[in-house]
C-alpha atoms as a PDB file:
ATOM      1  CA  UNK A   1     184.368  28.963  97.175  1.00  0.00           C
ATOM      2  CA  UNK A   2     188.623  30.290  96.956  1.00  0.00           C
ATOM      3  CA  UNK A   3     191.024  30.543  98.936  1.00  0.00           C
ATOM      4  CA  UNK A   4     193.385  33.341  98.783  1.00  0.00           C
ATOM      5  CA  UNK A   5     196.838  32.989  98.713  1.00  0.00           C
ATOM      6  CA  UNK A   6     199.181  35.779  99.385  1.00  0.00           C
ATOM      7  CA  UNK A   7     202.735  36.501  97.864  1.00  0.00           C
ATOM      8  CA  UNK A   8     203.792  35.908 100.949  1.00  0.00           C
ATOM      9  CA  UNK A   9     202.581  32.492 101.495  1.00  0.00           C
ATOM     10  CA  UNK A  10     202.862  31.719  98.076  1.00  0.00           C
ATOM     11  CA  UNK A  11     206.244  31.692  97.443  1.00  0.00           C
ATOM     12  CA  UNK A  12     207.121  29.981 101.212  1.00  0.00           C
ATOM     13  CA  UNK A  13     205.034  27.093  99.212  1.00  0.00           C
ATOM     14  CA  UNK A  14     206.881  27.417  96.195  1.00  0.00           C
ATOM     15  CA  UNK A  15     210.588  27.085  98.486  1.00  0.00           C
ATOM     16  CA  UNK A  16     209.148  24.460 100.584  1.00  0.00           C
ATOM     17  CA  UNK A  17     208.872  22.504  97.504  1.00  0.00           C
ATOM     18  CA  UNK A  18     211.802  22.704  95.736  1.00  0.00           C
ATOM     19  CA  UNK A  19     213.785  21.533  99.087  1.00  0.00           C
ATOM     20  CA  UNK A  20     211.282  19.022  98.519  1.00  0.00           C
ATOM     21  CA  UNK A  21     212.821  17.716  95.825  1.00  0.00           C
ATOM     22  CA  UNK A  22     216.264  19.102  96.307  1.00  0.00           C
ATOM     23  CA  UNK A  23     216.288  16.630 100.103  1.00  0.00           C
ATOM     24  CA  UNK A  24     214.938  13.094  97.230  1.00  0.00           C
ATOM     25  CA  UNK A  25     217.408  13.979  94.501  1.00  0.00           C
ATOM     26  CA  UNK A  26     219.488  14.289  97.323  1.00  0.00           C
ATOM     27  CA  UNK A  27     218.856  11.567  98.834  1.00  0.00           C
ATOM     28  CA  UNK A  28     218.843   9.110  96.246  1.00  0.00           C
ATOM     29  CA  UNK A  29     222.023   9.735  95.352  1.00  0.00           C
ATOM     30  CA  UNK A  30     223.147   8.916  98.615  1.00  0.00           C
ATOM     31  CA  UNK A  31     220.758   5.322  98.964  1.00  0.00           C
ATOM     32  CA  UNK A  32     222.956   4.353  95.127  1.00  0.00           C
ATOM     33  CA  UNK A  33     225.719   5.184  96.484  1.00  0.00           C
ATOM     34  CA  UNK A  34     226.430   3.382  99.489  1.00  0.00           C
ATOM     35  CA  UNK A  35     223.806   0.784  97.424  1.00  0.00           C
ATOM     36  CA  UNK A  36     227.102   0.681  94.677  1.00  0.00           C
ATOM     37  CA  UNK A  37     229.614   0.407  96.980  1.00  0.00           C
ATOM     38  CA  UNK A  38     228.440  -2.126  98.820  1.00  0.00           C
ATOM     39  CA  UNK A  39     227.785  -4.315  95.595  1.00  0.00           C
ATOM     40  CA  UNK A  40     230.947  -3.193  93.461  1.00  0.00           C
ATOM     41  CA  UNK A  41     232.312  -5.963  92.519  1.00  0.00           C
ATOM     42  CA  UNK A  42     236.808  -5.920  94.045  1.00  0.00           C
ATOM     43  CA  UNK A  43     239.338  -6.783  91.607  1.00  0.00           C
ATOM     44  CA  UNK A  44     241.505  -9.275  93.194  1.00  0.00           C
ATOM     45  CA  UNK A  45     245.005  -9.138  92.364  1.00  0.00           C
ATOM     46  CA  UNK A  46     247.364 -11.633  92.823  1.00  0.00           C
ATOM     47  CA  UNK A  47     251.423 -10.771  92.859  1.00  0.00           C
ATOM     48  CA  UNK A  48     253.180 -13.456  91.515  1.00  0.00           C
ATOM     49  CA  UNK A  49     257.616 -12.787  91.868  1.00  0.00           C
ATOM     50  CA  UNK A  50     259.097 -14.525  88.474  1.00  0.00           C
ATOM     51  CA  UNK A  51     262.861 -14.949  89.134  1.00  0.00           C
ATOM     52  CA  UNK A  52     265.223 -15.174  86.209  1.00  0.00           C
ATOM     53  CA  UNK A  53     267.699 -16.978  85.522  1.00  0.00           C
ATOM     54  CA  UNK A  54     270.465 -14.478  83.815  1.00  0.00           C
END
């Protein structure tokens, strides 16, 4: 027994699949950027006052 899918239902299923993939990709990028911001090494710049006698 085969189920019949009309073009409207097939189109809706394709849109749902594309939206799911887009959501997953965006979520992965958000989490990756968040983790990178936490573990990113921060450079400490130490400024020293150097006085030269002229």
